[in-house]
Amino acid sequence: MNLTNRSHDHLGRRRGIAVATALLLPFGVVACASDTSTETDDVGDLSAVTTTSTEPATTTTSELAPPAPTEPVATTSTELPTETEDDSTSVDDQAVQLSEDELAGLQWMREEEQLAHDVYTTLGDMWGLRIFENIASSERTHIDAARDVFDQYDLVDPAAGNELGTFRNPQIQELYDQLVADGNASLTAALEVGALIEELDISDLRERAAATDNADLTTLYAQLERGSRNHLRAFTSQLELRDVVYEPTYLDVAAYEEIVTSPTERGRDA
């Protein structure tokens, strides 16, 4: 089923909020030629050649006779064996490569975190509600954590230098435009947009984490998901204060209820 239609049908039943295009489809990413770390040390061959020599012998002469010619003393040379080291590199020292799927997932999550920040910043300006400002600030921490991984692997950050609300991925750009338009309808709609973003973020992060065994990526995704669970709790709490019951779209009801009924999690990124 087309997720655009699914989102429109679902959110239409909740004050006409429409979700744009599907986010769970990975998009193509071409890795840069420098998409590897540079932790491997070059090991060269070591060689040492030592030459020893003796000074020509001195001839003692009589004061009355001219000095007799002397034969130069032959120079001897000794060459030490060349010392070599094994230039093979252990697996631990080899540069770690990300697969195309891992790269695609990382780039997608980077722009999705940027989308959350930009939507909350925009909706905060619209409605002046403190929750948007607070969570936008937290999303900045998420963005920094993702950028650290891009730097670690010498990857190009797809959101670097982009103005607020501007994205390279056209699906994310379309989603941003739609969510801002939906959030403009009412304050309740804006809070529902926030809950929807966090719910979608959790769903995507779980899918990406399940598709990789790279420790750097799984650590990042776990960190981002913890923050998103807290954000989802915050948005649904604001909706409950307004007697609005949020209905999940991307998480099943059991997974959603497990999150929103559990305590806030602690952590520098949460």
C-alpha atoms as a PDB file:
ATOM      1  CA  MET A   1       0.000   0.000   0.000  1.00  0.00           C
ATOM      2  CA  ASN A   2       1.310   3.435  -0.880  1.00  0.00           C
ATOM      3  CA  LEU A   3       2.453   5.002   2.424  1.00  0.00           C
ATOM      4  CA  THR A   4       1.452   8.472   1.229  1.00  0.00           C
ATOM      5  CA  ASN A   5      -2.173   7.341   0.900  1.00  0.00           C
ATOM      6  CA  ARG A   6      -1.889   5.376   4.138  1.00  0.00           C
ATOM      7  CA  SER A   7      -0.671   8.434   6.009  1.00  0.00           C
ATOM      8  CA  HIS A   8      -3.323  10.701   4.508  1.00  0.00           C
ATOM      9  CA  ASP A   9      -6.100   8.202   5.370  1.00  0.00           C
ATOM     10  CA  HIS A  10      -4.847   7.759   8.918  1.00  0.00           C
ATOM     11  CA  LEU A  11      -4.128  11.380   9.708  1.00  0.00           C
ATOM     12  CA  GLY A  12      -7.270  12.494   7.938  1.00  0.00           C
ATOM     13  CA  ARG A  13      -9.131  10.817  10.761  1.00  0.00           C
ATOM     14  CA  ARG A  14      -7.099  12.991  13.182  1.00  0.00           C
ATOM     15  CA  ARG A  15      -7.894  16.548  12.091  1.00  0.00           C
ATOM     16  CA  GLY A  16      -6.856  16.079   8.504  1.00  0.00           C
ATOM     17  CA  ILE A  17      -3.135  15.745   9.045  1.00  0.00           C
ATOM     18  CA  ALA A  18      -1.497  14.223   6.002  1.00  0.00           C
ATOM     19  CA  VAL A  19       1.831  12.526   5.892  1.00  0.00           C
ATOM     20  CA  ALA A  20       3.758  12.867   2.657  1.00  0.00           C
ATOM     21  CA  THR A  21       5.766  10.193   1.021  1.00  0.00           C
ATOM     22  CA  ALA A  22       7.007   6.876   2.462  1.00  0.00           C
ATOM     23  CA  LEU A  23      10.221   7.140   4.480  1.00  0.00           C
ATOM     24  CA  LEU A  24      11.096   3.497   4.874  1.00  0.00           C
ATOM     25  CA  LEU A  25      12.419   3.134   1.309  1.00  0.00           C
ATOM     26  CA  PRO A  26      16.191   3.590   1.197  1.00  0.00           C
ATOM     27  CA  PHE A  27      17.542   5.789  -1.520  1.00  0.00           C
ATOM     28  CA  GLY A  28      20.635   5.294  -3.598  1.00  0.00           C
ATOM     29  CA  VAL A  29      23.890   6.621  -2.233  1.00  0.00           C
ATOM     30  CA  VAL A  30      27.206   6.687  -4.002  1.00  0.00           C
ATOM     31  CA  ALA A  31      30.054   6.416  -1.559  1.00  0.00           C
ATOM     32  CA  CYS A  32      32.852   8.896  -1.881  1.00  0.00           C
ATOM     33  CA  ALA A  33      36.201   7.594  -2.869  1.00  0.00           C
ATOM     34  CA  SER A  34      37.384   8.532   0.594  1.00  0.00           C
ATOM     35  CA  ASP A  35      34.605   6.599   2.451  1.00  0.00           C
ATOM     36  CA  THR A  36      37.120   4.742   4.567  1.00  0.00           C
ATOM     37  CA  SER A  37      38.951   5.594   7.705  1.00  0.00           C
ATOM     38  CA  THR A  38      42.655   6.184   7.643  1.00  0.00           C
ATOM     39  CA  GLU A  39      43.676   4.391  10.749  1.00  0.00           C
ATOM     40  CA  THR A  40      46.043   1.964   9.037  1.00  0.00           C
ATOM     41  CA  ASP A  41      49.716   2.770   9.524  1.00  0.00           C
ATOM     42  CA  ASP A  42      52.070   2.280   6.617  1.00  0.00           C
ATOM     43  CA  VAL A  43      54.857  -0.171   7.432  1.00  0.00           C
ATOM     44  CA  GLY A  44      57.968   0.135   5.264  1.00  0.00           C
ATOM     45  CA  ASP A  45      61.013  -2.129   4.939  1.00  0.00           C
ATOM     46  CA  LEU A  46      63.878  -1.183   7.163  1.00  0.00           C
ATOM     47  CA  SER A  47      67.427  -1.633   5.905  1.00  0.00           C
ATOM     48  CA  ALA A  48      70.747  -0.591   7.312  1.00  0.00           C
ATOM     49  CA  VAL A  49      74.109  -0.691   5.541  1.00  0.00           C
ATOM     50  CA  THR A  50      77.244  -0.001   7.589  1.00  0.00           C
ATOM     51  CA  THR A  51      80.604   0.616   5.970  1.00  0.00           C
ATOM     52  CA  THR A  52      83.808   0.365   7.991  1.00  0.00           C
ATOM     53  CA  SER A  53      87.184   1.464   6.779  1.00  0.00           C
ATOM     54  CA  THR A  54      90.756   1.917   8.039  1.00  0.00           C
ATOM     55  CA  GLU A  55      93.035   4.861   7.503  1.00  0.00           C
ATOM     56  CA  PRO A  56      96.051   4.269   5.223  1.00  0.00           C
ATOM     57  CA  ALA A  57      99.028   2.998   7.244  1.00  0.00           C
ATOM     58  CA  THR A  58     101.697   5.551   8.099  1.00  0.00           C
ATOM     59  CA  THR A  59     105.262   4.854   6.835  1.00  0.00           C
ATOM     60  CA  THR A  60     108.239   5.889   8.938  1.00  0.00           C
ATOM     61  CA  THR A  61     111.050   7.336   6.838  1.00  0.00           C
ATOM     62  CA  SER A  62     114.722   8.226   7.382  1.00  0.00           C
ATOM     63  CA  GLU A  63     115.509  11.902   7.523  1.00  0.00           C
ATOM     64  CA  LEU A  64     118.148  11.419   4.746  1.00  0.00           C
ATOM     65  CA  ALA A  65     116.062   9.404   2.328  1.00  0.00           C
ATOM     66  CA  PRO A  66     112.983  10.502   0.436  1.00  0.00           C
ATOM     67  CA  PRO A  67     109.825   8.894   1.637  1.00  0.00           C
ATOM     68  CA  ALA A  68     108.979   5.672  -0.082  1.00  0.00           C
ATOM     69  CA  PRO A  69     105.606   5.389  -1.718  1.00  0.00           C
ATOM     70  CA  THR A  70     103.054   3.481   0.291  1.00  0.00           C
ATOM     71  CA  GLU A  71     100.318   1.230  -0.992  1.00  0.00           C
ATOM     72  CA  PRO A  72      96.893   2.297   0.088  1.00  0.00           C
ATOM     73  CA  VAL A  73      95.225  -0.039   2.532  1.00  0.00           C
ATOM     74  CA  ALA A  74      92.226  -1.720   1.036  1.00  0.00           C
ATOM     75  CA  THR A  75      88.877  -0.536   2.342  1.00  0.00           C
ATOM     76  CA  THR A  76      86.656  -3.245   3.614  1.00  0.00           C
ATOM     77  CA  SER A  77      82.874  -3.056   3.700  1.00  0.00           C
ATOM     78  CA  THR A  78      80.470  -5.092   5.685  1.00  0.00           C
ATOM     79  CA  GLU A  79      76.768  -5.077   4.730  1.00  0.00           C
ATOM     80  CA  LEU A  80      74.347  -6.014   7.425  1.00  0.00           C
ATOM     81  CA  PRO A  81      71.408  -8.194   6.542  1.00  0.00           C
ATOM     82  CA  THR A  82      68.338  -6.218   5.580  1.00  0.00           C
ATOM     83  CA  GLU A  83      65.753  -6.287   8.328  1.00  0.00           C
ATOM     84  CA  THR A  84      62.197  -6.512   7.139  1.00  0.00           C
ATOM     85  CA  GLU A  85      58.934  -6.423   8.969  1.00  0.00           C
ATOM     86  CA  ASP A  86      55.808  -8.243   8.024  1.00  0.00           C
ATOM     87  CA  ASP A  87      53.869  -5.668   6.015  1.00  0.00           C
ATOM     88  CA  SER A  88      50.655  -7.556   6.319  1.00  0.00           C
ATOM     89  CA  THR A  89      48.032  -5.662   8.295  1.00  0.00           C
ATOM     90  CA  SER A  90      45.864  -7.283  10.911  1.00  0.00           C
ATOM     91  CA  VAL A  91      42.106  -7.249  10.535  1.00  0.00           C
ATOM     92  CA  ASP A  92      41.815  -4.823  13.459  1.00  0.00           C
ATOM     93  CA  ASP A  93      44.081  -2.307  11.683  1.00  0.00           C
ATOM     94  CA  GLN A  94      42.270  -2.424   8.359  1.00  0.00           C
ATOM     95  CA  ALA A  95      40.048   0.486   7.368  1.00  0.00           C
ATOM     96  CA  VAL A  96      36.398  -0.384   7.950  1.00  0.00           C
ATOM     97  CA  GLN A  97      34.179  -0.151   4.927  1.00  0.00           C
ATOM     98  CA  LEU A  98      30.457   0.546   5.085  1.00  0.00           C
ATOM     99  CA  SER A  99      28.244  -1.336   2.688  1.00  0.00           C
ATOM    100  CA  GLU A 100      26.011   0.550   0.277  1.00  0.00           C
ATOM    101  CA  ASP A 101      22.983  -0.268   2.422  1.00  0.00           C
ATOM    102  CA  GLU A 102      24.747   0.960   5.558  1.00  0.00           C
ATOM    103  CA  LEU A 103      25.732   4.189   3.803  1.00  0.00           C
ATOM    104  CA  ALA A 104      22.208   4.695   2.506  1.00  0.00           C
ATOM    105  CA  GLY A 105      20.757   4.115   5.959  1.00  0.00           C
ATOM    106  CA  LEU A 106      23.219   6.477   7.627  1.00  0.00           C
ATOM    107  CA  GLN A 107      22.593   9.264   5.146  1.00  0.00           C
ATOM    108  CA  TRP A 108      18.830   8.801   5.414  1.00  0.00           C
ATOM    109  CA  MET A 109      18.887   9.008   9.206  1.00  0.00           C
ATOM    110  CA  ARG A 110      21.145  12.070   9.074  1.00  0.00           C
ATOM    111  CA  GLU A 111      18.617  14.010   7.007  1.00  0.00           C
ATOM    112  CA  GLU A 112      15.677  12.638   8.991  1.00  0.00           C
ATOM    113  CA  GLU A 113      17.216  14.012  12.181  1.00  0.00           C
ATOM    114  CA  GLN A 114      17.723  17.331  10.394  1.00  0.00           C
ATOM    115  CA  LEU A 115      14.077  17.251   9.292  1.00  0.00           C
ATOM    116  CA  ALA A 116      12.929  16.860  12.908  1.00  0.00           C
ATOM    117  CA  HIS A 117      15.062  19.812  14.000  1.00  0.00           C
ATOM    118  CA  ASP A 118      13.877  22.039  11.173  1.00  0.00           C
ATOM    119  CA  VAL A 119      10.186  21.164  11.549  1.00  0.00           C
ATOM    120  CA  TYR A 120      10.271  21.843  15.300  1.00  0.00           C
ATOM    121  CA  THR A 121      12.106  25.109  14.792  1.00  0.00           C
ATOM    122  CA  THR A 122       9.508  26.220  12.243  1.00  0.00           C
ATOM    123  CA  LEU A 123       6.503  25.097  14.306  1.00  0.00           C
ATOM    124  CA  GLY A 124       7.998  26.708  17.400  1.00  0.00           C
ATOM    125  CA  ASP A 125       8.112  30.018  15.567  1.00  0.00           C
ATOM    126  CA  MET A 126       4.492  29.494  14.511  1.00  0.00           C
ATOM    127  CA  TRP A 127       3.004  28.606  17.888  1.00  0.00           C
ATOM    128  CA  GLY A 128       5.469  29.816  20.507  1.00  0.00           C
ATOM    129  CA  LEU A 129       5.113  26.615  22.543  1.00  0.00           C
ATOM    130  CA  ARG A 130       8.245  25.827  24.543  1.00  0.00           C
ATOM    131  CA  ILE A 131       8.244  22.088  23.769  1.00  0.00           C
ATOM    132  CA  PHE A 132       9.211  22.728  20.148  1.00  0.00           C
ATOM    133  CA  GLU A 133      12.205  24.832  21.119  1.00  0.00           C
ATOM    134  CA  ASN A 134      13.366  22.296  23.718  1.00  0.00           C
ATOM    135  CA  ILE A 135      13.137  19.294  21.428  1.00  0.00           C
ATOM    136  CA  ALA A 136      14.721  21.176  18.516  1.00  0.00           C
ATOM    137  CA  SER A 137      17.690  21.793  20.801  1.00  0.00           C
ATOM    138  CA  SER A 138      17.857  18.089  21.622  1.00  0.00           C
ATOM    139  CA  GLU A 139      17.723  17.258  17.922  1.00  0.00           C
ATOM    140  CA  ARG A 140      20.843  19.391  17.493  1.00  0.00           C
ATOM    141  CA  THR A 141      22.634  16.952  19.799  1.00  0.00           C
ATOM    142  CA  HIS A 142      21.406  14.075  17.639  1.00  0.00           C
ATOM    143  CA  ILE A 143      22.687  15.819  14.531  1.00  0.00           C
ATOM    144  CA  ASP A 144      26.109  16.309  16.098  1.00  0.00           C
ATOM    145  CA  ALA A 145      26.280  12.607  17.011  1.00  0.00           C
ATOM    146  CA  ALA A 146      25.460  11.621  13.427  1.00  0.00           C
ATOM    147  CA  ARG A 147      28.018  14.058  12.027  1.00  0.00           C
ATOM    148  CA  ASP A 148      30.687  12.524  14.256  1.00  0.00           C
ATOM    149  CA  VAL A 149      30.182   9.208  12.463  1.00  0.00           C
ATOM    150  CA  PHE A 150      30.382  10.924   9.073  1.00  0.00           C
ATOM    151  CA  ASP A 151      33.670  12.491  10.119  1.00  0.00           C
ATOM    152  CA  GLN A 152      34.964   9.185  11.470  1.00  0.00           C
ATOM    153  CA  TYR A 153      34.401   7.498   8.112  1.00  0.00           C
ATOM    154  CA  ASP A 154      35.430  10.541   6.066  1.00  0.00           C
ATOM    155  CA  LEU A 155      31.988  10.788   4.463  1.00  0.00           C
ATOM    156  CA  VAL A 156      30.267  13.797   2.931  1.00  0.00           C
ATOM    157  CA  ASP A 157      27.489  15.078   5.190  1.00  0.00           C
ATOM    158  CA  PRO A 158      24.362  15.327   2.995  1.00  0.00           C
ATOM    159  CA  ALA A 159      22.952  18.157   5.114  1.00  0.00           C
ATOM    160  CA  ALA A 160      26.116  20.225   5.405  1.00  0.00           C
ATOM    161  CA  GLY A 161      25.559  23.858   4.486  1.00  0.00           C
ATOM    162  CA  ASN A 162      21.835  23.451   3.812  1.00  0.00           C
ATOM    163  CA  GLU A 163      19.503  26.243   4.867  1.00  0.00           C
ATOM    164  CA  LEU A 164      16.737  25.473   7.329  1.00  0.00           C
ATOM    165  CA  GLY A 165      14.010  23.439   5.630  1.00  0.00           C
ATOM    166  CA  THR A 166      16.211  22.496   2.662  1.00  0.00           C
ATOM    167  CA  PHE A 167      17.152  18.875   1.968  1.00  0.00           C
ATOM    168  CA  ARG A 168      19.040  17.014  -0.734  1.00  0.00           C
ATOM    169  CA  ASN A 169      16.772  13.996  -0.626  1.00  0.00           C
ATOM    170  CA  PRO A 170      13.554  14.892  -2.483  1.00  0.00           C
ATOM    171  CA  GLN A 171      11.442  12.517  -0.373  1.00  0.00           C
ATOM    172  CA  ILE A 172      12.551  14.200   2.826  1.00  0.00           C
ATOM    173  CA  GLN A 173      12.039  17.622   1.253  1.00  0.00           C
ATOM    174  CA  GLU A 174       8.479  16.683   0.314  1.00  0.00           C
ATOM    175  CA  LEU A 175       7.828  15.345   3.801  1.00  0.00           C
ATOM    176  CA  TYR A 176       9.152  18.505   5.442  1.00  0.00           C
ATOM    177  CA  ASP A 177       6.898  20.706   3.318  1.00  0.00           C
ATOM    178  CA  GLN A 178       3.851  18.568   4.084  1.00  0.00           C
ATOM    179  CA  LEU A 179       4.480  18.342   7.834  1.00  0.00           C
ATOM    180  CA  VAL A 180       4.975  22.091   8.185  1.00  0.00           C
ATOM    181  CA  ALA A 181       1.737  22.679   6.272  1.00  0.00           C
ATOM    182  CA  ASP A 182      -0.093  20.177   8.511  1.00  0.00           C
ATOM    183  CA  GLY A 183       1.343  21.716  11.673  1.00  0.00           C
ATOM    184  CA  ASN A 184       0.178  25.134  10.584  1.00  0.00           C
ATOM    185  CA  ALA A 185      -3.463  24.050  10.835  1.00  0.00           C
ATOM    186  CA  SER A 186      -3.676  24.192  14.648  1.00  0.00           C
ATOM    187  CA  LEU A 187      -1.577  23.768  17.772  1.00  0.00           C
ATOM    188  CA  THR A 188      -3.031  20.301  18.288  1.00  0.00           C
ATOM    189  CA  ALA A 189      -2.112  19.402  14.721  1.00  0.00           C
ATOM    190  CA  ALA A 190       1.426  20.695  15.317  1.00  0.00           C
ATOM    191  CA  LEU A 191       1.793  18.466  18.391  1.00  0.00           C
ATOM    192  CA  GLU A 192       0.511  15.496  16.407  1.00  0.00           C
ATOM    193  CA  VAL A 193       3.120  16.244  13.743  1.00  0.00           C
ATOM    194  CA  GLY A 194       5.771  16.102  16.455  1.00  0.00           C
ATOM    195  CA  ALA A 195       4.536  12.739  17.711  1.00  0.00           C
ATOM    196  CA  LEU A 196       4.380  11.421  14.156  1.00  0.00           C
ATOM    197  CA  ILE A 197       7.983  12.454  13.419  1.00  0.00           C
ATOM    198  CA  GLU A 198       9.286  10.733  16.555  1.00  0.00           C
ATOM    199  CA  GLU A 199       7.236   7.614  15.924  1.00  0.00           C
ATOM    200  CA  LEU A 200       8.562   7.415  12.371  1.00  0.00           C
ATOM    201  CA  ASP A 201      12.095   8.095  13.571  1.00  0.00           C
ATOM    202  CA  ILE A 202      11.930   5.183  16.032  1.00  0.00           C
ATOM    203  CA  SER A 203      10.591   2.869  13.350  1.00  0.00           C
ATOM    204  CA  ASP A 204      13.328   3.811  10.892  1.00  0.00           C
ATOM    205  CA  LEU A 205      16.103   3.579  13.488  1.00  0.00           C
ATOM    206  CA  ARG A 206      15.033   0.085  14.476  1.00  0.00           C
ATOM    207  CA  GLU A 207      14.996  -1.005  10.863  1.00  0.00           C
ATOM    208  CA  ARG A 208      18.480   0.439  10.199  1.00  0.00           C
ATOM    209  CA  ALA A 209      19.937  -1.075  13.378  1.00  0.00           C
ATOM    210  CA  ALA A 210      18.577  -4.513  12.487  1.00  0.00           C
ATOM    211  CA  ALA A 211      20.259  -4.325   9.074  1.00  0.00           C
ATOM    212  CA  THR A 212      23.842  -3.819  10.299  1.00  0.00           C
ATOM    213  CA  ASP A 213      26.357  -5.316  12.702  1.00  0.00           C
ATOM    214  CA  ASN A 214      28.646  -2.264  12.541  1.00  0.00           C
ATOM    215  CA  ALA A 215      29.189  -1.192  16.145  1.00  0.00           C
ATOM    216  CA  ASP A 216      29.538   2.496  15.265  1.00  0.00           C
ATOM    217  CA  LEU A 217      26.165   2.502  13.544  1.00  0.00           C
ATOM    218  CA  THR A 218      24.298   0.409  16.094  1.00  0.00           C
ATOM    219  CA  THR A 219      25.628   2.600  18.903  1.00  0.00           C
ATOM    220  CA  LEU A 220      24.542   5.748  17.071  1.00  0.00           C
ATOM    221  CA  TYR A 221      21.088   4.367  16.285  1.00  0.00           C
ATOM    222  CA  ALA A 222      20.536   3.259  19.882  1.00  0.00           C
ATOM    223  CA  GLN A 223      21.515   6.744  21.084  1.00  0.00           C
ATOM    224  CA  LEU A 224      19.155   8.440  18.636  1.00  0.00           C
ATOM    225  CA  GLU A 225      16.285   6.104  19.445  1.00  0.00           C
ATOM    226  CA  ARG A 226      16.548   6.764  23.170  1.00  0.00           C
ATOM    227  CA  GLY A 227      16.128  10.465  22.488  1.00  0.00           C
ATOM    228  CA  SER A 228      13.219   9.861  20.121  1.00  0.00           C
ATOM    229  CA  ARG A 229      11.399   7.750  22.710  1.00  0.00           C
ATOM    230  CA  ASN A 230      11.647  10.642  25.171  1.00  0.00           C
ATOM    231  CA  HIS A 231      10.424  13.091  22.542  1.00  0.00           C
ATOM    232  CA  LEU A 232       7.456  10.878  21.717  1.00  0.00           C
ATOM    233  CA  ARG A 233       6.545  10.760  25.417  1.00  0.00           C
ATOM    234  CA  ALA A 234       6.740  14.560  25.593  1.00  0.00           C
ATOM    235  CA  PHE A 235       4.509  15.193  22.581  1.00  0.00           C
ATOM    236  CA  THR A 236       1.871  12.652  23.595  1.00  0.00           C
ATOM    237  CA  SER A 237       1.819  14.117  27.111  1.00  0.00           C
ATOM    238  CA  GLN A 238       1.079  17.546  25.644  1.00  0.00           C
ATOM    239  CA  LEU A 239      -1.731  16.022  23.589  1.00  0.00           C
ATOM    240  CA  GLU A 240      -3.199  14.292  26.661  1.00  0.00           C
ATOM    241  CA  LEU A 241      -3.288  17.640  28.460  1.00  0.00           C
ATOM    242  CA  ARG A 242      -5.567  18.763  25.635  1.00  0.00           C
ATOM    243  CA  ASP A 243      -7.694  15.589  25.868  1.00  0.00           C
ATOM    244  CA  VAL A 244      -6.315  14.273  22.576  1.00  0.00           C
ATOM    245  CA  VAL A 245      -5.443  10.589  22.276  1.00  0.00           C
ATOM    246  CA  TYR A 246      -2.665  10.042  19.757  1.00  0.00           C
ATOM    247  CA  GLU A 247      -3.048   7.017  17.490  1.00  0.00           C
ATOM    248  CA  PRO A 248       0.255   5.558  16.201  1.00  0.00           C
ATOM    249  CA  THR A 249       0.841   5.244  12.482  1.00  0.00           C
ATOM    250  CA  TYR A 250       4.274   3.641  12.064  1.00  0.00           C
ATOM    251  CA  LEU A 251       4.603   1.692  15.320  1.00  0.00           C
ATOM    252  CA  ASP A 252       2.189  -1.046  16.282  1.00  0.00           C
ATOM    253  CA  VAL A 253      -0.006  -0.268  19.253  1.00  0.00           C
ATOM    254  CA  ALA A 254       1.893  -2.556  21.646  1.00  0.00           C
ATOM    255  CA  ALA A 255       5.273  -0.995  20.804  1.00  0.00           C
ATOM    256  CA  TYR A 256       3.828   2.491  21.086  1.00  0.00           C
ATOM    257  CA  GLU A 257       2.156   1.805  24.435  1.00  0.00           C
ATOM    258  CA  GLU A 258       5.353   0.285  25.812  1.00  0.00           C
ATOM    259  CA  ILE A 259       7.167   3.547  25.084  1.00  0.00           C
ATOM    260  CA  VAL A 260       4.641   6.116  26.254  1.00  0.00           C
ATOM    261  CA  THR A 261       3.786   4.279  29.487  1.00  0.00           C
ATOM    262  CA  SER A 262       7.445   3.910  30.537  1.00  0.00           C
ATOM    263  CA  PRO A 263       9.489   6.544  32.414  1.00  0.00           C
ATOM    264  CA  THR A 264      11.660   9.155  30.752  1.00  0.00           C
ATOM    265  CA  GLU A 265      15.129   7.807  29.976  1.00  0.00           C
ATOM    266  CA  ARG A 266      18.281   9.585  31.038  1.00  0.00           C
ATOM    267  CA  GLY A 267      21.320  10.309  28.921  1.00  0.00           C
ATOM    268  CA  ARG A 268      23.255  13.259  27.562  1.00  0.00           C
ATOM    269  CA  ASP A 269      21.512  12.875  24.198  1.00  0.00           C
ATOM    270  CA  ALA A 270      18.013  12.299  25.539  1.00  0.00           C
END
